[in-house]
Amino acid sequence: MAITDRECVARIVQRRLRAMDDQERRNLQAELQAMREVLATIDPDFIRQVTDAAKAATEWLRDLNKAKASVELERDFLPKLAVEGWLISPSGPVDQPERLSELYAKEGIEAVDRYLFERLDAEVCGVIVDGITKQGVFAPWRPTFAKALGALERGDHELAIPIWLAALEFGCASELGIRDVYSKPEPANRNVVTKQLASVSTVYEPLALAWLEVLLGFSGHRGRAPAIFHRHAVMHGERPLIGTRKDALQCLLALEVLAYLVEARDRARSGRST
């Protein structure tokens, strides 16, 4: 039969009591009685408030530890996706990084591709486009994005990709101060972007760094590499086939992450100015 912690404590207390002489027991009883009298004068509502506050603090610490673990996982895993041109959708399931990380570890990038192909169907892509065009930097692009989304749904990925890429260049120029982002992915551009996003919480840091790797990083890929890594070739007619559904999805995710980071930056700046 298992012995609980409470039973162990009770046995220790009993042994200590037996070891006391009569005077020590009387002193202890007097102290306990005094404590009872003090507790009896405390408002029960106050005790409940203290108990609730302690419970809330415990839950907050547990949530904080989960958030820290999640950030650490993303710091390790998101760069592995970025090498393949993928980013995590900010509007996706909260546990998507953990789920994809496990899938990647067990079955490799091909399994991640399959998962994201299934996850990013026409409905989800529509939600993404709706979210990034409701307000902010890409609101004026709403009619054009609707046409790109229609092309994506029809399977005309080659028509959607240049629109996503053009919008990315616009967003980088208007919000981050980077022009010619596709023809000049220099370290200087990386520094500009890092400075622009410096006000964003560290919670966003892994995704921001992964986005930088996808958009500004140098790629060693050749041949059928992701279009997101060969934007200059696509936009200057050097890649006639342009890309596949995978390329279109990766470009759309890069757009969504940019809109998400810009919004987070603006919220942080607004909070500091109030």
C-alpha atoms as a PDB file:
ATOM      1  CA  MET A   1       0.000   0.000   0.000  1.00  0.00           C
ATOM      2  CA  ALA A   2       1.454   3.353  -1.068  1.00  0.00           C
ATOM      3  CA  ILE A   3       2.213   5.951   1.558  1.00  0.00           C
ATOM      4  CA  THR A   4       1.154   9.493   0.665  1.00  0.00           C
ATOM      5  CA  ASP A   5       3.191  12.631   1.403  1.00  0.00           C
ATOM      6  CA  ARG A   6       0.531  13.700   3.890  1.00  0.00           C
ATOM      7  CA  GLU A   7       0.850  10.405   5.789  1.00  0.00           C
ATOM      8  CA  CYS A   8       4.633  10.797   5.899  1.00  0.00           C
ATOM      9  CA  VAL A   9       4.306  14.281   7.330  1.00  0.00           C
ATOM     10  CA  ALA A  10       1.769  13.077   9.899  1.00  0.00           C
ATOM     11  CA  ARG A  11       4.106  10.323  11.077  1.00  0.00           C
ATOM     12  CA  ILE A  12       7.018  12.762  11.404  1.00  0.00           C
ATOM     13  CA  VAL A  13       4.851  15.142  13.440  1.00  0.00           C
ATOM     14  CA  GLN A  14       3.702  12.287  15.700  1.00  0.00           C
ATOM     15  CA  ARG A  15       7.287  11.225  16.326  1.00  0.00           C
ATOM     16  CA  ARG A  16       8.273  14.801  17.152  1.00  0.00           C
ATOM     17  CA  LEU A  17       5.327  15.143  19.541  1.00  0.00           C
ATOM     18  CA  ARG A  18       6.245  11.929  21.340  1.00  0.00           C
ATOM     19  CA  ALA A  19       9.803  13.237  21.778  1.00  0.00           C
ATOM     20  CA  MET A  20       8.576  16.429  23.469  1.00  0.00           C
ATOM     21  CA  ASP A  21       8.261  16.798  27.198  1.00  0.00           C
ATOM     22  CA  ASP A  22       5.067  18.091  28.825  1.00  0.00           C
ATOM     23  CA  GLN A  23       6.202  21.724  28.913  1.00  0.00           C
ATOM     24  CA  GLU A  24       7.131  21.701  25.198  1.00  0.00           C
ATOM     25  CA  ARG A  25       3.745  20.212  24.320  1.00  0.00           C
ATOM     26  CA  ARG A  26       1.941  22.892  26.377  1.00  0.00           C
ATOM     27  CA  ASN A  27       3.948  25.631  24.640  1.00  0.00           C
ATOM     28  CA  LEU A  28       3.144  24.184  21.211  1.00  0.00           C
ATOM     29  CA  GLN A  29      -0.551  23.889  22.058  1.00  0.00           C
ATOM     30  CA  ALA A  30      -0.572  27.525  23.207  1.00  0.00           C
ATOM     31  CA  GLU A  31       1.021  28.642  19.956  1.00  0.00           C
ATOM     32  CA  LEU A  32      -1.477  26.640  17.894  1.00  0.00           C
ATOM     33  CA  GLN A  33      -4.374  28.084  19.872  1.00  0.00           C
ATOM     34  CA  ALA A  34      -3.057  31.603  19.304  1.00  0.00           C
ATOM     35  CA  MET A  35      -2.842  30.885  15.568  1.00  0.00           C
ATOM     36  CA  ARG A  36      -6.432  29.588  15.562  1.00  0.00           C
ATOM     37  CA  GLU A  37      -7.630  32.753  17.296  1.00  0.00           C
ATOM     38  CA  VAL A  38      -5.811  34.961  14.744  1.00  0.00           C
ATOM     39  CA  LEU A  39      -7.217  32.969  11.816  1.00  0.00           C
ATOM     40  CA  ALA A  40     -10.712  33.216  13.276  1.00  0.00           C
ATOM     41  CA  THR A  41     -10.523  37.018  13.077  1.00  0.00           C
ATOM     42  CA  ILE A  42      -9.620  37.036   9.356  1.00  0.00           C
ATOM     43  CA  ASP A  43     -12.416  37.675   6.883  1.00  0.00           C
ATOM     44  CA  PRO A  44     -13.150  34.426   4.970  1.00  0.00           C
ATOM     45  CA  ASP A  45     -13.521  36.484   1.787  1.00  0.00           C
ATOM     46  CA  PHE A  46      -9.971  37.734   2.231  1.00  0.00           C
ATOM     47  CA  ILE A  47      -8.711  34.181   2.643  1.00  0.00           C
ATOM     48  CA  ARG A  48     -10.523  33.176  -0.544  1.00  0.00           C
ATOM     49  CA  GLN A  49      -9.012  36.157  -2.376  1.00  0.00           C
ATOM     50  CA  VAL A  50      -5.515  35.201  -1.241  1.00  0.00           C
ATOM     51  CA  THR A  51      -6.127  31.587  -2.231  1.00  0.00           C
ATOM     52  CA  ASP A  52      -7.453  32.623  -5.654  1.00  0.00           C
ATOM     53  CA  ALA A  53      -4.511  34.963  -6.176  1.00  0.00           C
ATOM     54  CA  ALA A  54      -2.052  32.192  -5.317  1.00  0.00           C
ATOM     55  CA  LYS A  55      -3.836  29.857  -7.725  1.00  0.00           C
ATOM     56  CA  ALA A  56      -3.798  32.490 -10.475  1.00  0.00           C
ATOM     57  CA  ALA A  57      -0.086  33.116  -9.907  1.00  0.00           C
ATOM     58  CA  THR A  58       0.623  29.393 -10.156  1.00  0.00           C
ATOM     59  CA  GLU A  59      -1.315  29.153 -13.399  1.00  0.00           C
ATOM     60  CA  TRP A  60       0.440  32.248 -14.755  1.00  0.00           C
ATOM     61  CA  LEU A  61       3.847  30.758 -13.995  1.00  0.00           C
ATOM     62  CA  ARG A  62       2.802  27.508 -15.675  1.00  0.00           C
ATOM     63  CA  ASP A  63       1.653  29.413 -18.776  1.00  0.00           C
ATOM     64  CA  LEU A  64       4.865  31.438 -18.760  1.00  0.00           C
ATOM     65  CA  ASN A  65       6.953  28.266 -18.684  1.00  0.00           C
ATOM     66  CA  LYS A  66       4.923  26.857 -21.581  1.00  0.00           C
ATOM     67  CA  ALA A  67       5.473  30.061 -23.556  1.00  0.00           C
ATOM     68  CA  LYS A  68       9.219  29.930 -22.904  1.00  0.00           C
ATOM     69  CA  ALA A  69       9.348  26.294 -24.020  1.00  0.00           C
ATOM     70  CA  SER A  70       7.374  27.171 -27.152  1.00  0.00           C
ATOM     71  CA  VAL A  71       9.753  30.015 -28.043  1.00  0.00           C
ATOM     72  CA  GLU A  72      12.761  27.735 -27.568  1.00  0.00           C
ATOM     73  CA  LEU A  73      11.198  25.087 -29.799  1.00  0.00           C
ATOM     74  CA  GLU A  74      10.476  27.670 -32.496  1.00  0.00           C
ATOM     75  CA  ARG A  75      14.024  29.022 -32.314  1.00  0.00           C
ATOM     76  CA  ASP A  76      15.309  25.548 -33.032  1.00  0.00           C
ATOM     77  CA  PHE A  77      12.722  24.389 -35.573  1.00  0.00           C
ATOM     78  CA  LEU A  78      11.623  27.389 -37.655  1.00  0.00           C
ATOM     79  CA  PRO A  79      15.065  27.856 -39.272  1.00  0.00           C
ATOM     80  CA  LYS A  80      14.835  24.252 -40.509  1.00  0.00           C
ATOM     81  CA  LEU A  81      11.550  25.084 -42.235  1.00  0.00           C
ATOM     82  CA  ALA A  82      12.945  28.372 -43.570  1.00  0.00           C
ATOM     83  CA  VAL A  83      15.714  26.510 -45.395  1.00  0.00           C
ATOM     84  CA  GLU A  84      12.927  24.804 -47.374  1.00  0.00           C
ATOM     85  CA  GLY A  85      11.024  28.071 -47.951  1.00  0.00           C
ATOM     86  CA  TRP A  86       8.282  27.346 -45.394  1.00  0.00           C
ATOM     87  CA  LEU A  87       7.021  29.596 -42.622  1.00  0.00           C
ATOM     88  CA  ILE A  88       4.486  28.969 -39.862  1.00  0.00           C
ATOM     89  CA  SER A  89       1.110  30.605 -40.471  1.00  0.00           C
ATOM     90  CA  PRO A  90       0.317  33.063 -37.646  1.00  0.00           C
ATOM     91  CA  SER A  91      -3.377  32.231 -38.111  1.00  0.00           C
ATOM     92  CA  GLY A  92      -2.770  28.483 -37.892  1.00  0.00           C
ATOM     93  CA  PRO A  93      -3.343  26.226 -34.865  1.00  0.00           C
ATOM     94  CA  VAL A  94      -1.465  27.270 -31.720  1.00  0.00           C
ATOM     95  CA  ASP A  95       0.205  23.865 -31.488  1.00  0.00           C
ATOM     96  CA  GLN A  96       1.267  23.815 -35.149  1.00  0.00           C
ATOM     97  CA  PRO A  97       4.997  24.379 -34.427  1.00  0.00           C
ATOM     98  CA  GLU A  98       5.049  21.458 -31.982  1.00  0.00           C
ATOM     99  CA  ARG A  99       3.060  19.256 -34.352  1.00  0.00           C
ATOM    100  CA  LEU A 100       5.266  20.043 -37.345  1.00  0.00           C
ATOM    101  CA  SER A 101       8.441  19.654 -35.298  1.00  0.00           C
ATOM    102  CA  GLU A 102       7.426  16.141 -34.257  1.00  0.00           C
ATOM    103  CA  LEU A 103       6.442  15.297 -37.824  1.00  0.00           C
ATOM    104  CA  TYR A 104       9.736  16.622 -39.158  1.00  0.00           C
ATOM    105  CA  ALA A 105      11.748  14.635 -36.595  1.00  0.00           C
ATOM    106  CA  LYS A 106       9.919  11.383 -37.352  1.00  0.00           C
ATOM    107  CA  GLU A 107       9.328  11.544 -41.119  1.00  0.00           C
ATOM    108  CA  GLY A 108      11.350  14.439 -42.548  1.00  0.00           C
ATOM    109  CA  ILE A 109      10.493  17.461 -44.669  1.00  0.00           C
ATOM    110  CA  GLU A 110       8.397  15.444 -47.141  1.00  0.00           C
ATOM    111  CA  ALA A 111       5.875  14.714 -44.407  1.00  0.00           C
ATOM    112  CA  VAL A 112       5.819  18.402 -43.479  1.00  0.00           C
ATOM    113  CA  ASP A 113       5.140  19.254 -47.131  1.00  0.00           C
ATOM    114  CA  ARG A 114       2.200  16.847 -47.218  1.00  0.00           C
ATOM    115  CA  TYR A 115       0.749  18.201 -43.985  1.00  0.00           C
ATOM    116  CA  LEU A 116       0.938  21.810 -45.160  1.00  0.00           C
ATOM    117  CA  PHE A 117      -0.475  20.973 -48.603  1.00  0.00           C
ATOM    118  CA  GLU A 118      -3.517  19.461 -46.871  1.00  0.00           C
ATOM    119  CA  ARG A 119      -3.768  22.174 -44.223  1.00  0.00           C
ATOM    120  CA  LEU A 120      -3.475  25.118 -46.637  1.00  0.00           C
ATOM    121  CA  ASP A 121      -6.539  24.350 -48.736  1.00  0.00           C
ATOM    122  CA  ALA A 122      -8.678  26.921 -50.578  1.00  0.00           C
ATOM    123  CA  GLU A 123     -10.679  27.791 -47.463  1.00  0.00           C
ATOM    124  CA  VAL A 124      -7.627  28.396 -45.265  1.00  0.00           C
ATOM    125  CA  CYS A 125      -5.909  30.436 -47.983  1.00  0.00           C
ATOM    126  CA  GLY A 126      -9.068  32.528 -48.238  1.00  0.00           C
ATOM    127  CA  VAL A 127      -8.965  33.166 -44.494  1.00  0.00           C
ATOM    128  CA  ILE A 128      -5.319  34.235 -44.758  1.00  0.00           C
ATOM    129  CA  VAL A 129      -6.021  36.634 -47.622  1.00  0.00           C
ATOM    130  CA  ASP A 130      -9.042  38.052 -45.825  1.00  0.00           C
ATOM    131  CA  GLY A 131      -6.999  38.589 -42.678  1.00  0.00           C
ATOM    132  CA  ILE A 132      -4.100  40.417 -44.292  1.00  0.00           C
ATOM    133  CA  THR A 133      -6.303  42.675 -46.446  1.00  0.00           C
ATOM    134  CA  LYS A 134      -8.841  43.816 -43.834  1.00  0.00           C
ATOM    135  CA  GLN A 135      -6.584  46.649 -42.774  1.00  0.00           C
ATOM    136  CA  GLY A 136      -2.981  47.743 -42.751  1.00  0.00           C
ATOM    137  CA  VAL A 137      -0.324  47.613 -45.421  1.00  0.00           C
ATOM    138  CA  PHE A 138      -2.076  45.188 -47.778  1.00  0.00           C
ATOM    139  CA  ALA A 139      -5.618  46.591 -47.583  1.00  0.00           C
ATOM    140  CA  PRO A 140      -5.297  48.343 -51.011  1.00  0.00           C
ATOM    141  CA  TRP A 141      -4.304  44.998 -52.523  1.00  0.00           C
ATOM    142  CA  ARG A 142      -7.589  43.294 -51.642  1.00  0.00           C
ATOM    143  CA  PRO A 143      -9.067  43.220 -55.205  1.00  0.00           C
ATOM    144  CA  THR A 144      -5.788  42.012 -56.700  1.00  0.00           C
ATOM    145  CA  PHE A 145      -5.296  39.406 -53.988  1.00  0.00           C
ATOM    146  CA  ALA A 146      -8.800  38.107 -54.695  1.00  0.00           C
ATOM    147  CA  LYS A 147      -7.743  37.443 -58.293  1.00  0.00           C
ATOM    148  CA  ALA A 148      -4.548  35.754 -57.162  1.00  0.00           C
ATOM    149  CA  LEU A 149      -6.556  33.606 -54.759  1.00  0.00           C
ATOM    150  CA  GLY A 150      -8.915  32.650 -57.590  1.00  0.00           C
ATOM    151  CA  ALA A 151      -5.935  31.621 -59.719  1.00  0.00           C
ATOM    152  CA  LEU A 152      -4.597  29.544 -56.840  1.00  0.00           C
ATOM    153  CA  GLU A 153      -7.942  27.780 -56.434  1.00  0.00           C
ATOM    154  CA  ARG A 154      -8.073  26.994 -60.182  1.00  0.00           C
ATOM    155  CA  GLY A 155      -4.580  25.561 -60.111  1.00  0.00           C
ATOM    156  CA  ASP A 156      -3.067  28.491 -62.030  1.00  0.00           C
ATOM    157  CA  HIS A 157      -0.290  28.901 -59.485  1.00  0.00           C
ATOM    158  CA  GLU A 158       1.934  30.682 -62.025  1.00  0.00           C
ATOM    159  CA  LEU A 159      -0.525  33.593 -62.064  1.00  0.00           C
ATOM    160  CA  ALA A 160      -0.711  33.950 -58.287  1.00  0.00           C
ATOM    161  CA  ILE A 161       3.020  33.829 -57.529  1.00  0.00           C
ATOM    162  CA  PRO A 162       4.061  37.117 -59.245  1.00  0.00           C
ATOM    163  CA  ILE A 163       1.260  38.949 -57.429  1.00  0.00           C
ATOM    164  CA  TRP A 164       2.360  37.635 -54.038  1.00  0.00           C
ATOM    165  CA  LEU A 165       5.991  38.515 -54.837  1.00  0.00           C
ATOM    166  CA  ALA A 166       5.120  42.032 -56.045  1.00  0.00           C
ATOM    167  CA  ALA A 167       3.143  42.618 -52.841  1.00  0.00           C
ATOM    168  CA  LEU A 168       6.062  41.408 -50.745  1.00  0.00           C
ATOM    169  CA  GLU A 169       8.377  43.881 -52.435  1.00  0.00           C
ATOM    170  CA  PHE A 170       5.825  46.654 -51.851  1.00  0.00           C
ATOM    171  CA  GLY A 171       5.482  45.730 -48.170  1.00  0.00           C
ATOM    172  CA  CYS A 172       9.243  45.638 -47.659  1.00  0.00           C
ATOM    173  CA  ALA A 173       9.635  49.060 -49.270  1.00  0.00           C
ATOM    174  CA  SER A 174       6.711  50.811 -47.599  1.00  0.00           C
ATOM    175  CA  GLU A 175       6.973  49.310 -44.104  1.00  0.00           C
ATOM    176  CA  LEU A 176      10.620  48.332 -43.698  1.00  0.00           C
ATOM    177  CA  GLY A 177      12.328  50.881 -45.930  1.00  0.00           C
ATOM    178  CA  ILE A 178      13.952  48.262 -48.167  1.00  0.00           C
ATOM    179  CA  ARG A 179      13.851  48.755 -51.933  1.00  0.00           C
ATOM    180  CA  ASP A 180      15.093  46.320 -54.575  1.00  0.00           C
ATOM    181  CA  VAL A 181      14.697  43.590 -51.978  1.00  0.00           C
ATOM    182  CA  TYR A 182      14.770  40.886 -54.633  1.00  0.00           C
ATOM    183  CA  SER A 183      17.820  42.069 -56.532  1.00  0.00           C
ATOM    184  CA  LYS A 184      19.825  43.182 -53.490  1.00  0.00           C
ATOM    185  CA  PRO A 185      19.361  40.759 -50.578  1.00  0.00           C
ATOM    186  CA  GLU A 186      22.379  42.218 -48.786  1.00  0.00           C
ATOM    187  CA  PRO A 187      23.366  42.071 -45.092  1.00  0.00           C
ATOM    188  CA  ALA A 188      22.564  45.796 -44.969  1.00  0.00           C
ATOM    189  CA  ASN A 189      18.926  44.964 -45.721  1.00  0.00           C
ATOM    190  CA  ARG A 190      18.963  42.419 -42.930  1.00  0.00           C
ATOM    191  CA  ASN A 191      20.191  45.073 -40.498  1.00  0.00           C
ATOM    192  CA  VAL A 192      17.444  47.479 -41.582  1.00  0.00           C
ATOM    193  CA  VAL A 193      14.747  44.857 -41.039  1.00  0.00           C
ATOM    194  CA  THR A 194      16.188  43.847 -37.672  1.00  0.00           C
ATOM    195  CA  LYS A 195      16.115  47.474 -36.540  1.00  0.00           C
ATOM    196  CA  GLN A 196      12.534  47.923 -37.763  1.00  0.00           C
ATOM    197  CA  LEU A 197      11.364  44.898 -35.772  1.00  0.00           C
ATOM    198  CA  ALA A 198      13.460  45.636 -32.673  1.00  0.00           C
ATOM    199  CA  SER A 199      10.406  46.851 -30.753  1.00  0.00           C
ATOM    200  CA  VAL A 200       8.605  43.540 -31.220  1.00  0.00           C
ATOM    201  CA  SER A 201       8.445  41.187 -28.242  1.00  0.00           C
ATOM    202  CA  THR A 202      10.851  38.252 -28.117  1.00  0.00           C
ATOM    203  CA  VAL A 203       7.785  36.026 -28.501  1.00  0.00           C
ATOM    204  CA  TYR A 204       7.802  37.054 -32.176  1.00  0.00           C
ATOM    205  CA  GLU A 205      11.564  36.733 -32.573  1.00  0.00           C
ATOM    206  CA  PRO A 206      11.785  33.144 -33.911  1.00  0.00           C
ATOM    207  CA  LEU A 207       9.183  33.818 -36.601  1.00  0.00           C
ATOM    208  CA  ALA A 208      10.788  37.153 -37.517  1.00  0.00           C
ATOM    209  CA  LEU A 209      14.204  35.537 -37.906  1.00  0.00           C
ATOM    210  CA  ALA A 210      12.767  32.702 -39.988  1.00  0.00           C
ATOM    211  CA  TRP A 211      11.016  35.255 -42.210  1.00  0.00           C
ATOM    212  CA  LEU A 212      14.308  37.087 -42.646  1.00  0.00           C
ATOM    213  CA  GLU A 213      15.996  33.859 -43.697  1.00  0.00           C
ATOM    214  CA  VAL A 214      13.299  33.167 -46.268  1.00  0.00           C
ATOM    215  CA  LEU A 215      13.081  36.683 -47.666  1.00  0.00           C
ATOM    216  CA  LEU A 216      16.587  38.071 -47.307  1.00  0.00           C
ATOM    217  CA  GLY A 217      18.756  35.033 -46.794  1.00  0.00           C
ATOM    218  CA  PHE A 218      21.095  33.674 -49.407  1.00  0.00           C
ATOM    219  CA  SER A 219      20.050  30.322 -50.823  1.00  0.00           C
ATOM    220  CA  GLY A 220      22.281  27.521 -52.018  1.00  0.00           C
ATOM    221  CA  HIS A 221      19.399  25.849 -53.836  1.00  0.00           C
ATOM    222  CA  ARG A 222      19.515  25.282 -57.569  1.00  0.00           C
ATOM    223  CA  GLY A 223      17.162  23.962 -60.224  1.00  0.00           C
ATOM    224  CA  ARG A 224      13.659  23.334 -58.854  1.00  0.00           C
ATOM    225  CA  ALA A 225      14.256  25.429 -55.764  1.00  0.00           C
ATOM    226  CA  PRO A 226      11.381  27.327 -54.107  1.00  0.00           C
ATOM    227  CA  ALA A 227      10.321  30.391 -56.072  1.00  0.00           C
ATOM    228  CA  ILE A 228      10.538  32.409 -52.853  1.00  0.00           C
ATOM    229  CA  PHE A 229      14.328  31.912 -53.068  1.00  0.00           C
ATOM    230  CA  HIS A 230      14.440  32.956 -56.739  1.00  0.00           C
ATOM    231  CA  ARG A 231      12.265  36.046 -56.725  1.00  0.00           C
ATOM    232  CA  HIS A 232      14.591  38.044 -58.960  1.00  0.00           C
ATOM    233  CA  ALA A 233      14.491  35.335 -61.628  1.00  0.00           C
ATOM    234  CA  VAL A 234      10.688  35.101 -61.462  1.00  0.00           C
ATOM    235  CA  MET A 235      10.075  38.845 -61.597  1.00  0.00           C
ATOM    236  CA  HIS A 236      12.578  39.380 -64.446  1.00  0.00           C
ATOM    237  CA  GLY A 237      11.382  36.600 -66.716  1.00  0.00           C
ATOM    238  CA  GLU A 238      14.311  34.279 -66.094  1.00  0.00           C
ATOM    239  CA  ARG A 239      12.105  31.460 -64.766  1.00  0.00           C
ATOM    240  CA  PRO A 240       9.367  30.842 -67.381  1.00  0.00           C
ATOM    241  CA  LEU A 241       7.681  28.009 -65.477  1.00  0.00           C
ATOM    242  CA  ILE A 242       7.550  30.346 -62.434  1.00  0.00           C
ATOM    243  CA  GLY A 243       6.472  27.802 -59.834  1.00  0.00           C
ATOM    244  CA  THR A 244       4.099  25.235 -58.368  1.00  0.00           C
ATOM    245  CA  ARG A 245       1.336  25.227 -55.763  1.00  0.00           C
ATOM    246  CA  LYS A 246       4.009  24.788 -53.106  1.00  0.00           C
ATOM    247  CA  ASP A 247       5.730  27.969 -54.321  1.00  0.00           C
ATOM    248  CA  ALA A 248       2.447  29.874 -54.291  1.00  0.00           C
ATOM    249  CA  LEU A 249       1.664  28.742 -50.744  1.00  0.00           C
ATOM    250  CA  GLN A 250       5.117  29.694 -49.500  1.00  0.00           C
ATOM    251  CA  CYS A 251       4.809  33.161 -51.030  1.00  0.00           C
ATOM    252  CA  LEU A 252       1.398  33.630 -49.417  1.00  0.00           C
ATOM    253  CA  LEU A 253       2.762  32.599 -46.012  1.00  0.00           C
ATOM    254  CA  ALA A 254       5.625  35.084 -46.384  1.00  0.00           C
ATOM    255  CA  LEU A 255       3.023  37.780 -47.027  1.00  0.00           C
ATOM    256  CA  GLU A 256       0.981  36.767 -43.998  1.00  0.00           C
ATOM    257  CA  VAL A 257       4.019  36.755 -41.705  1.00  0.00           C
ATOM    258  CA  LEU A 258       5.100  40.188 -42.952  1.00  0.00           C
ATOM    259  CA  ALA A 259       1.639  41.632 -42.241  1.00  0.00           C
ATOM    260  CA  TYR A 260       1.645  39.940 -38.821  1.00  0.00           C
ATOM    261  CA  LEU A 261       5.077  41.302 -37.847  1.00  0.00           C
ATOM    262  CA  VAL A 262       4.287  44.824 -39.050  1.00  0.00           C
ATOM    263  CA  GLU A 263       1.069  44.805 -37.017  1.00  0.00           C
ATOM    264  CA  ALA A 264       2.959  43.577 -33.940  1.00  0.00           C
ATOM    265  CA  ARG A 265       5.576  46.287 -34.433  1.00  0.00           C
ATOM    266  CA  ASP A 266       2.927  49.002 -34.714  1.00  0.00           C
ATOM    267  CA  ARG A 267       1.149  47.762 -31.578  1.00  0.00           C
ATOM    268  CA  ALA A 268       4.421  47.804 -29.641  1.00  0.00           C
ATOM    269  CA  ARG A 269       5.200  51.337 -30.798  1.00  0.00           C
ATOM    270  CA  SER A 270       1.698  52.522 -29.962  1.00  0.00           C
ATOM    271  CA  GLY A 271       1.966  51.019 -26.486  1.00  0.00           C
ATOM    272  CA  ARG A 272       5.239  52.836 -25.812  1.00  0.00           C
ATOM    273  CA  SER A 273       3.833  56.198 -26.940  1.00  0.00           C
ATOM    274  CA  THR A 274       0.772  56.085 -24.633  1.00  0.00           C
END
